[in-house]
Amino acid sequence: MDERLLAQTALAKIGEALAELSPLDQAIVELTVVAGMSGSMIGTDLGLTRTAVTTRLSRARARLKDVLGPELLAELGIVGRRGPGGGR
């Protein structure tokens, strides 16, 4: 497969995975990854606490990781790169 086809396939998978999230979780992921906003800023914009944003983002990332795999998410900056077992 050429690179363009691989990119199109990856984008389609990402779109499908994001569509499985609730609209609120989609917004949180978008504001975090695309806009680079902090949890506090997102909470203020969406009427949530920073803790609620952090929890929802963590759960959304886990769902995306299950669907897309950790390597693709790390390349996109949605989750950090970690070795086997996760560790912090």
PDB file of N, CA and C in Angstrom:
ATOM      1  N   MET A   1       0.843  -1.189   0.000  1.00  0.00           N
ATOM      2  CA  MET A   1       0.000   0.000   0.000  1.00  0.00           C
ATOM      3  C   MET A   1       0.881   1.243   0.000  1.00  0.00           C
ATOM      4  N   ASP A   2       0.444   2.232  -0.725  1.00  0.00           N
ATOM      5  CA  ASP A   2       1.233   3.466  -0.694  1.00  0.00           C
ATOM      6  C   ASP A   2       0.879   4.293   0.536  1.00  0.00           C
ATOM      7  N   GLU A   3       1.706   5.264   0.828  1.00  0.00           N
ATOM      8  CA  GLU A   3       1.530   6.064   2.060  1.00  0.00           C
ATOM      9  C   GLU A   3       0.202   6.800   2.098  1.00  0.00           C
ATOM     10  N   ARG A   4      -0.242   7.289   0.956  1.00  0.00           N
ATOM     11  CA  ARG A   4      -1.509   8.031   0.922  1.00  0.00           C
ATOM     12  C   ARG A   4      -2.682   7.131   1.287  1.00  0.00           C
ATOM     13  N   LEU A   5      -2.673   5.915   0.775  1.00  0.00           N
ATOM     14  CA  LEU A   5      -3.746   4.975   1.093  1.00  0.00           C
ATOM     15  C   LEU A   5      -3.699   4.582   2.568  1.00  0.00           C
ATOM     16  N   LEU A   6      -2.496   4.390   3.102  1.00  0.00           N
ATOM     17  CA  LEU A   6      -2.363   4.086   4.524  1.00  0.00           C
ATOM     18  C   LEU A   6      -2.890   5.226   5.382  1.00  0.00           C
ATOM     19  N   ALA A   7      -2.582   6.457   4.994  1.00  0.00           N
ATOM     20  CA  ALA A   7      -3.066   7.625   5.742  1.00  0.00           C
ATOM     21  C   ALA A   7      -4.586   7.715   5.676  1.00  0.00           C
ATOM     22  N   GLN A   8      -5.163   7.456   4.513  1.00  0.00           N
ATOM     23  CA  GLN A   8      -6.613   7.498   4.374  1.00  0.00           C
ATOM     24  C   GLN A   8      -7.273   6.419   5.230  1.00  0.00           C
ATOM     25  N   THR A   9      -6.669   5.247   5.258  1.00  0.00           N
ATOM     26  CA  THR A   9      -7.192   4.157   6.069  1.00  0.00           C
ATOM     27  C   THR A   9      -7.131   4.513   7.549  1.00  0.00           C
ATOM     28  N   ALA A  10      -5.995   5.078   7.976  1.00  0.00           N
ATOM     29  CA  ALA A  10      -5.843   5.480   9.377  1.00  0.00           C
ATOM     30  C   ALA A  10      -6.861   6.551   9.744  1.00  0.00           C
ATOM     31  N   LEU A  11      -7.068   7.532   8.868  1.00  0.00           N
ATOM     32  CA  LEU A  11      -8.048   8.588   9.144  1.00  0.00           C
ATOM     33  C   LEU A  11      -9.455   8.026   9.258  1.00  0.00           C
ATOM     34  N   ALA A  12      -9.787   7.069   8.419  1.00  0.00           N
ATOM     35  CA  ALA A  12     -11.112   6.453   8.484  1.00  0.00           C
ATOM     36  C   ALA A  12     -11.290   5.721   9.816  1.00  0.00           C
ATOM     37  N   LYS A  13     -10.253   4.993  10.249  1.00  0.00           N
ATOM     38  CA  LYS A  13     -10.327   4.279  11.526  1.00  0.00           C
ATOM     39  C   LYS A  13     -10.464   5.257  12.692  1.00  0.00           C
ATOM     40  N   ILE A  14      -9.734   6.352  12.630  1.00  0.00           N
ATOM     41  CA  ILE A  14      -9.801   7.363  13.688  1.00  0.00           C
ATOM     42  C   ILE A  14     -11.203   7.962  13.752  1.00  0.00           C
ATOM     43  N   GLY A  15     -11.754   8.294  12.600  1.00  0.00           N
ATOM     44  CA  GLY A  15     -13.111   8.844  12.558  1.00  0.00           C
ATOM     45  C   GLY A  15     -14.135   7.886  13.128  1.00  0.00           C
ATOM     46  N   GLU A  16     -14.007   6.604  12.790  1.00  0.00           N
ATOM     47  CA  GLU A  16     -14.931   5.596  13.313  1.00  0.00           C
ATOM     48  C   GLU A  16     -14.787   5.457  14.830  1.00  0.00           C
ATOM     49  N   ALA A  17     -13.552   5.463  15.304  1.00  0.00           N
ATOM     50  CA  ALA A  17     -13.317   5.325  16.742  1.00  0.00           C
ATOM     51  C   ALA A  17     -13.851   6.531  17.505  1.00  0.00           C
ATOM     52  N   LEU A  18     -13.613   7.725  16.984  1.00  0.00           N
ATOM     53  CA  LEU A  18     -14.127   8.935  17.638  1.00  0.00           C
ATOM     54  C   LEU A  18     -15.650   8.955  17.650  1.00  0.00           C
ATOM     55  N   ALA A  19     -16.266   8.438  16.595  1.00  0.00           N
ATOM     56  CA  ALA A  19     -17.725   8.417  16.514  1.00  0.00           C
ATOM     57  C   ALA A  19     -18.340   7.532  17.595  1.00  0.00           C
ATOM     58  N   GLU A  20     -17.562   6.585  18.128  1.00  0.00           N
ATOM     59  CA  GLU A  20     -18.065   5.718  19.196  1.00  0.00           C
ATOM     60  C   GLU A  20     -18.082   6.426  20.549  1.00  0.00           C
ATOM     61  N   LEU A  21     -17.371   7.547  20.659  1.00  0.00           N
ATOM     62  CA  LEU A  21     -17.363   8.317  21.901  1.00  0.00           C
ATOM     63  C   LEU A  21     -18.600   9.200  21.977  1.00  0.00           C
ATOM     64  N   SER A  22     -18.969   9.577  23.174  1.00  0.00           N
ATOM     65  CA  SER A  22     -20.079  10.520  23.338  1.00  0.00           C
ATOM     66  C   SER A  22     -19.647  11.883  22.777  1.00  0.00           C
ATOM     67  N   PRO A  23     -20.592  12.728  22.414  1.00  0.00           N
ATOM     68  CA  PRO A  23     -20.230  14.056  21.924  1.00  0.00           C
ATOM     69  C   PRO A  23     -19.362  14.835  22.925  1.00  0.00           C
ATOM     70  N   LEU A  24     -19.643  14.684  24.205  1.00  0.00           N
ATOM     71  CA  LEU A  24     -18.848  15.375  25.220  1.00  0.00           C
ATOM     72  C   LEU A  24     -17.413  14.855  25.225  1.00  0.00           C
ATOM     73  N   ASP A  25     -17.243  13.540  25.171  1.00  0.00           N
ATOM     74  CA  ASP A  25     -15.901  12.974  25.153  1.00  0.00           C
ATOM     75  C   ASP A  25     -15.168  13.335  23.863  1.00  0.00           C
ATOM     76  N   GLN A  26     -15.875  13.385  22.749  1.00  0.00           N
ATOM     77  CA  GLN A  26     -15.260  13.824  21.491  1.00  0.00           C
ATOM     78  C   GLN A  26     -14.723  15.245  21.646  1.00  0.00           C
ATOM     79  N   ALA A  27     -15.514  16.112  22.249  1.00  0.00           N
ATOM     80  CA  ALA A  27     -15.096  17.501  22.446  1.00  0.00           C
ATOM     81  C   ALA A  27     -13.871  17.583  23.345  1.00  0.00           C
ATOM     82  N   ILE A  28     -13.851  16.795  24.404  1.00  0.00           N
ATOM     83  CA  ILE A  28     -12.714  16.812  25.323  1.00  0.00           C
ATOM     84  C   ILE A  28     -11.445  16.350  24.614  1.00  0.00           C
ATOM     85  N   VAL A  29     -11.532  15.274  23.840  1.00  0.00           N
ATOM     86  CA  VAL A  29     -10.365  14.792  23.096  1.00  0.00           C
ATOM     87  C   VAL A  29      -9.908  15.858  22.108  1.00  0.00           C
ATOM     88  N   GLU A  30     -10.837  16.441  21.369  1.00  0.00           N
ATOM     89  CA  GLU A  30     -10.489  17.464  20.377  1.00  0.00           C
ATOM     90  C   GLU A  30      -9.832  18.677  21.036  1.00  0.00           C
ATOM     91  N   LEU A  31     -10.403  19.158  22.119  1.00  0.00           N
ATOM     92  CA  LEU A  31      -9.844  20.334  22.783  1.00  0.00           C
ATOM     93  C   LEU A  31      -8.469  20.049  23.384  1.00  0.00           C
ATOM     94  N   THR A  32      -8.256  18.824  23.817  1.00  0.00           N
ATOM     95  CA  THR A  32      -6.957  18.446  24.372  1.00  0.00           C
ATOM     96  C   THR A  32      -5.911  18.288  23.281  1.00  0.00           C
ATOM     97  N   VAL A  33      -6.242  17.497  22.261  1.00  0.00           N
ATOM     98  CA  VAL A  33      -5.256  17.131  21.240  1.00  0.00           C
ATOM     99  C   VAL A  33      -5.068  18.224  20.201  1.00  0.00           C
ATOM    100  N   VAL A  34      -6.160  18.755  19.688  1.00  0.00           N
ATOM    101  CA  VAL A  34      -6.075  19.728  18.598  1.00  0.00           C
ATOM    102  C   VAL A  34      -5.796  21.137  19.117  1.00  0.00           C
ATOM    103  N   ALA A  35      -6.552  21.551  20.134  1.00  0.00           N
ATOM    104  CA  ALA A  35      -6.418  22.921  20.633  1.00  0.00           C
ATOM    105  C   ALA A  35      -5.338  23.047  21.710  1.00  0.00           C
ATOM    106  N   GLY A  36      -4.914  21.916  22.268  1.00  0.00           N
ATOM    107  CA  GLY A  36      -3.875  21.952  23.283  1.00  0.00           C
ATOM    108  C   GLY A  36      -4.298  22.596  24.591  1.00  0.00           C
ATOM    109  N   MET A  37      -5.587  22.542  24.884  1.00  0.00           N
ATOM    110  CA  MET A  37      -6.099  23.160  26.097  1.00  0.00           C
ATOM    111  C   MET A  37      -5.860  22.281  27.315  1.00  0.00           C
ATOM    112  N   SER A  38      -5.715  22.907  28.479  1.00  0.00           N
ATOM    113  CA  SER A  38      -5.549  22.181  29.736  1.00  0.00           C
ATOM    114  C   SER A  38      -6.910  21.680  30.223  1.00  0.00           C
ATOM    115  N   GLY A  39      -6.860  20.730  31.165  1.00  0.00           N
ATOM    116  CA  GLY A  39      -8.089  20.214  31.752  1.00  0.00           C
ATOM    117  C   GLY A  39      -8.914  21.299  32.429  1.00  0.00           C
ATOM    118  N   SER A  40      -8.228  22.238  33.083  1.00  0.00           N
ATOM    119  CA  SER A  40      -8.937  23.344  33.742  1.00  0.00           C
ATOM    120  C   SER A  40      -9.643  24.233  32.729  1.00  0.00           C
ATOM    121  N   MET A  41      -8.949  24.536  31.631  1.00  0.00           N
ATOM    122  CA  MET A  41      -9.553  25.383  30.598  1.00  0.00           C
ATOM    123  C   MET A  41     -10.751  24.692  29.954  1.00  0.00           C
ATOM    124  N   ILE A  42     -10.595  23.403  29.667  1.00  0.00           N
ATOM    125  CA  ILE A  42     -11.694  22.641  29.068  1.00  0.00           C
ATOM    126  C   ILE A  42     -12.877  22.591  30.032  1.00  0.00           C
ATOM    127  N   GLY A  43     -12.588  22.351  31.300  1.00  0.00           N
ATOM    128  CA  GLY A  43     -13.650  22.311  32.300  1.00  0.00           C
ATOM    129  C   GLY A  43     -14.428  23.607  32.357  1.00  0.00           C
ATOM    130  N   THR A  44     -13.705  24.717  32.322  1.00  0.00           N
ATOM    131  CA  THR A  44     -14.367  26.022  32.339  1.00  0.00           C
ATOM    132  C   THR A  44     -15.258  26.187  31.112  1.00  0.00           C
ATOM    133  N   ASP A  45     -14.747  25.823  29.943  1.00  0.00           N
ATOM    134  CA  ASP A  45     -15.516  25.962  28.703  1.00  0.00           C
ATOM    135  C   ASP A  45     -16.746  25.056  28.661  1.00  0.00           C
ATOM    136  N   LEU A  46     -16.614  23.852  29.230  1.00  0.00           N
ATOM    137  CA  LEU A  46     -17.704  22.877  29.130  1.00  0.00           C
ATOM    138  C   LEU A  46     -18.542  22.759  30.395  1.00  0.00           C
ATOM    139  N   GLY A  47     -18.209  23.536  31.415  1.00  0.00           N
ATOM    140  CA  GLY A  47     -18.974  23.492  32.652  1.00  0.00           C
ATOM    141  C   GLY A  47     -18.711  22.241  33.478  1.00  0.00           C
ATOM    142  N   LEU A  48     -17.479  21.747  33.439  1.00  0.00           N
ATOM    143  CA  LEU A  48     -17.090  20.555  34.189  1.00  0.00           C
ATOM    144  C   LEU A  48     -15.936  20.898  35.117  1.00  0.00           C
ATOM    145  N   THR A  49     -15.733  20.056  36.113  1.00  0.00           N
ATOM    146  CA  THR A  49     -14.543  20.225  36.945  1.00  0.00           C
ATOM    147  C   THR A  49     -13.333  19.682  36.192  1.00  0.00           C
ATOM    148  N   ARG A  50     -12.143  20.109  36.609  1.00  0.00           N
ATOM    149  CA  ARG A  50     -10.918  19.590  36.000  1.00  0.00           C
ATOM    150  C   ARG A  50     -10.838  18.083  36.203  1.00  0.00           C
ATOM    151  N   THR A  51     -11.268  17.616  37.377  1.00  0.00           N
ATOM    152  CA  THR A  51     -11.248  16.181  37.673  1.00  0.00           C
ATOM    153  C   THR A  51     -12.160  15.412  36.718  1.00  0.00           C
ATOM    154  N   ALA A  52     -13.328  15.941  36.442  1.00  0.00           N
ATOM    155  CA  ALA A  52     -14.255  15.289  35.509  1.00  0.00           C
ATOM    156  C   ALA A  52     -13.655  15.231  34.108  1.00  0.00           C
ATOM    157  N   VAL A  53     -13.014  16.307  33.690  1.00  0.00           N
ATOM    158  CA  VAL A  53     -12.372  16.334  32.367  1.00  0.00           C
ATOM    159  C   VAL A  53     -11.270  15.284  32.312  1.00  0.00           C
ATOM    160  N   THR A  54     -10.440  15.230  33.338  1.00  0.00           N
ATOM    161  CA  THR A  54      -9.334  14.280  33.377  1.00  0.00           C
ATOM    162  C   THR A  54      -9.844  12.847  33.339  1.00  0.00           C
ATOM    163  N   THR A  55     -10.886  12.567  34.104  1.00  0.00           N
ATOM    164  CA  THR A  55     -11.456  11.221  34.136  1.00  0.00           C
ATOM    165  C   THR A  55     -12.039  10.843  32.782  1.00  0.00           C
ATOM    166  N   ARG A  56     -12.816  11.743  32.196  1.00  0.00           N
ATOM    167  CA  ARG A  56     -13.438  11.468  30.894  1.00  0.00           C
ATOM    168  C   ARG A  56     -12.381  11.298  29.816  1.00  0.00           C
ATOM    169  N   LEU A  57     -11.331  12.120  29.861  1.00  0.00           N
ATOM    170  CA  LEU A  57     -10.258  12.022  28.872  1.00  0.00           C
ATOM    171  C   LEU A  57      -9.533  10.688  29.010  1.00  0.00           C
ATOM    172  N   SER A  58      -9.264  10.279  30.219  1.00  0.00           N
ATOM    173  CA  SER A  58      -8.586   9.002  30.450  1.00  0.00           C
ATOM    174  C   SER A  58      -9.413   7.839  29.907  1.00  0.00           C
ATOM    175  N   ARG A  59     -10.692   7.853  30.173  1.00  0.00           N
ATOM    176  CA  ARG A  59     -11.579   6.789  29.682  1.00  0.00           C
ATOM    177  C   ARG A  59     -11.701   6.821  28.164  1.00  0.00           C
ATOM    178  N   ALA A  60     -11.778   8.007  27.591  1.00  0.00           N
ATOM    179  CA  ALA A  60     -11.861   8.138  26.126  1.00  0.00           C
ATOM    180  C   ALA A  60     -10.580   7.621  25.479  1.00  0.00           C
ATOM    181  N   ARG A  61      -9.436   7.976  26.046  1.00  0.00           N
ATOM    182  CA  ARG A  61      -8.158   7.489  25.507  1.00  0.00           C
ATOM    183  C   ARG A  61      -8.092   5.962  25.575  1.00  0.00           C
ATOM    184  N   ALA A  62      -8.569   5.389  26.661  1.00  0.00           N
ATOM    185  CA  ALA A  62      -8.554   3.928  26.801  1.00  0.00           C
ATOM    186  C   ALA A  62      -9.431   3.277  25.728  1.00  0.00           C
ATOM    187  N   ARG A  63     -10.602   3.856  25.470  1.00  0.00           N
ATOM    188  CA  ARG A  63     -11.482   3.306  24.433  1.00  0.00           C
ATOM    189  C   ARG A  63     -10.839   3.436  23.060  1.00  0.00           C
ATOM    190  N   LEU A  64     -10.234   4.589  22.784  1.00  0.00           N
ATOM    191  CA  LEU A  64      -9.564   4.782  21.499  1.00  0.00           C
ATOM    192  C   LEU A  64      -8.387   3.821  21.346  1.00  0.00           C
ATOM    193  N   LYS A  65      -7.664   3.619  22.422  1.00  0.00           N
ATOM    194  CA  LYS A  65      -6.520   2.700  22.396  1.00  0.00           C
ATOM    195  C   LYS A  65      -6.968   1.282  22.082  1.00  0.00           C
ATOM    196  N   ASP A  66      -8.105   0.874  22.649  1.00  0.00           N
ATOM    197  CA  ASP A  66      -8.641  -0.463  22.375  1.00  0.00           C
ATOM    198  C   ASP A  66      -8.994  -0.626  20.904  1.00  0.00           C
ATOM    199  N   VAL A  67      -9.546   0.417  20.302  1.00  0.00           N
ATOM    200  CA  VAL A  67      -9.985   0.344  18.912  1.00  0.00           C
ATOM    201  C   VAL A  67      -8.819   0.518  17.945  1.00  0.00           C
ATOM    202  N   LEU A  68      -7.964   1.489  18.204  1.00  0.00           N
ATOM    203  CA  LEU A  68      -6.931   1.866  17.244  1.00  0.00           C
ATOM    204  C   LEU A  68      -5.557   1.270  17.515  1.00  0.00           C
ATOM    205  N   GLY A  69      -5.301   0.897  18.742  1.00  0.00           N
ATOM    206  CA  GLY A  69      -3.983   0.403  19.096  1.00  0.00           C
ATOM    207  C   GLY A  69      -3.102   1.526  19.617  1.00  0.00           C
ATOM    208  N   PRO A  70      -2.206   1.211  20.527  1.00  0.00           N
ATOM    209  CA  PRO A  70      -1.397   2.237  21.182  1.00  0.00           C
ATOM    210  C   PRO A  70      -0.397   2.938  20.267  1.00  0.00           C
ATOM    211  N   GLU A  71       0.126   2.233  19.261  1.00  0.00           N
ATOM    212  CA  GLU A  71       1.137   2.839  18.396  1.00  0.00           C
ATOM    213  C   GLU A  71       0.564   4.014  17.596  1.00  0.00           C
ATOM    214  N   LEU A  72      -0.606   3.811  16.999  1.00  0.00           N
ATOM    215  CA  LEU A  72      -1.217   4.874  16.209  1.00  0.00           C
ATOM    216  C   LEU A  72      -1.578   6.065  17.083  1.00  0.00           C
ATOM    217  N   LEU A  73      -2.120   5.811  18.253  1.00  0.00           N
ATOM    218  CA  LEU A  73      -2.484   6.904  19.152  1.00  0.00           C
ATOM    219  C   LEU A  73      -1.250   7.679  19.610  1.00  0.00           C
ATOM    220  N   ALA A  74      -0.162   6.990  19.864  1.00  0.00           N
ATOM    221  CA  ALA A  74       1.072   7.672  20.266  1.00  0.00           C
ATOM    222  C   ALA A  74       1.591   8.554  19.129  1.00  0.00           C
ATOM    223  N   GLU A  75       1.527   8.049  17.905  1.00  0.00           N
ATOM    224  CA  GLU A  75       1.969   8.847  16.756  1.00  0.00           C
ATOM    225  C   GLU A  75       1.133  10.108  16.602  1.00  0.00           C
ATOM    226  N   LEU A  76      -0.138  10.024  16.929  1.00  0.00           N
ATOM    227  CA  LEU A  76      -1.046  11.164  16.797  1.00  0.00           C
ATOM    228  C   LEU A  76      -0.989  12.100  17.999  1.00  0.00           C
ATOM    229  N   GLY A  77      -0.320  11.679  19.061  1.00  0.00           N
ATOM    230  CA  GLY A  77      -0.237  12.509  20.259  1.00  0.00           C
ATOM    231  C   GLY A  77      -1.448  12.414  21.165  1.00  0.00           C
ATOM    232  N   ILE A  78      -2.270  11.397  20.959  1.00  0.00           N
ATOM    233  CA  ILE A  78      -3.465  11.235  21.784  1.00  0.00           C
ATOM    234  C   ILE A  78      -3.117  10.541  23.092  1.00  0.00           C
ATOM    235  N   VAL A  79      -2.160   9.629  23.059  1.00  0.00           N
ATOM    236  CA  VAL A  79      -1.626   9.006  24.268  1.00  0.00           C
ATOM    237  C   VAL A  79      -0.116   9.025  24.173  1.00  0.00           C
ATOM    238  N   GLY A  80       0.528   9.003  25.328  1.00  0.00           N
ATOM    239  CA  GLY A  80       1.982   8.987  25.345  1.00  0.00           C
ATOM    240  C   GLY A  80       2.527   7.608  25.005  1.00  0.00           C
ATOM    241  N   ARG A  81       3.784   7.574  24.614  1.00  0.00           N
ATOM    242  CA  ARG A  81       4.452   6.300  24.348  1.00  0.00           C
ATOM    243  C   ARG A  81       4.926   5.722  25.670  1.00  0.00           C
ATOM    244  N   ARG A  82       4.577   4.486  25.890  1.00  0.00           N
ATOM    245  CA  ARG A  82       5.006   3.787  27.097  1.00  0.00           C
ATOM    246  C   ARG A  82       5.461   2.395  26.700  1.00  0.00           C
ATOM    247  N   GLY A  83       6.345   1.868  27.467  1.00  0.00           N
ATOM    248  CA  GLY A  83       6.832   0.525  27.221  1.00  0.00           C
ATOM    249  C   GLY A  83       5.802  -0.503  27.627  1.00  0.00           C
ATOM    250  N   PRO A  84       6.148  -1.779  27.467  1.00  0.00           N
ATOM    251  CA  PRO A  84       5.215  -2.851  27.853  1.00  0.00           C
ATOM    252  C   PRO A  84       4.811  -2.700  29.314  1.00  0.00           C
ATOM    253  N   GLY A  85       3.562  -2.925  29.597  1.00  0.00           N
ATOM    254  CA  GLY A  85       3.049  -2.839  30.949  1.00  0.00           C
ATOM    255  C   GLY A  85       2.563  -1.460  31.342  1.00  0.00           C
ATOM    256  N   GLY A  86       2.793  -0.452  30.503  1.00  0.00           N
ATOM    257  CA  GLY A  86       2.249   0.877  30.770  1.00  0.00           C
ATOM    258  C   GLY A  86       3.106   1.748  31.614  1.00  0.00           C
ATOM    259  N   GLY A  87       3.350   1.465  32.852  1.00  0.00           N
ATOM    260  CA  GLY A  87       4.177   2.246  33.762  1.00  0.00           C
ATOM    261  C   GLY A  87       4.142   3.745  33.583  1.00  0.00           C
ATOM    262  N   ARG A  88       4.333   4.490  34.625  1.00  0.00           N
ATOM    263  CA  ARG A  88       4.349   5.945  34.533  1.00  0.00           C
ATOM    264  C   ARG A  88       5.707   6.469  34.770  1.00  0.00           C
TER     265      ARG A  88
END
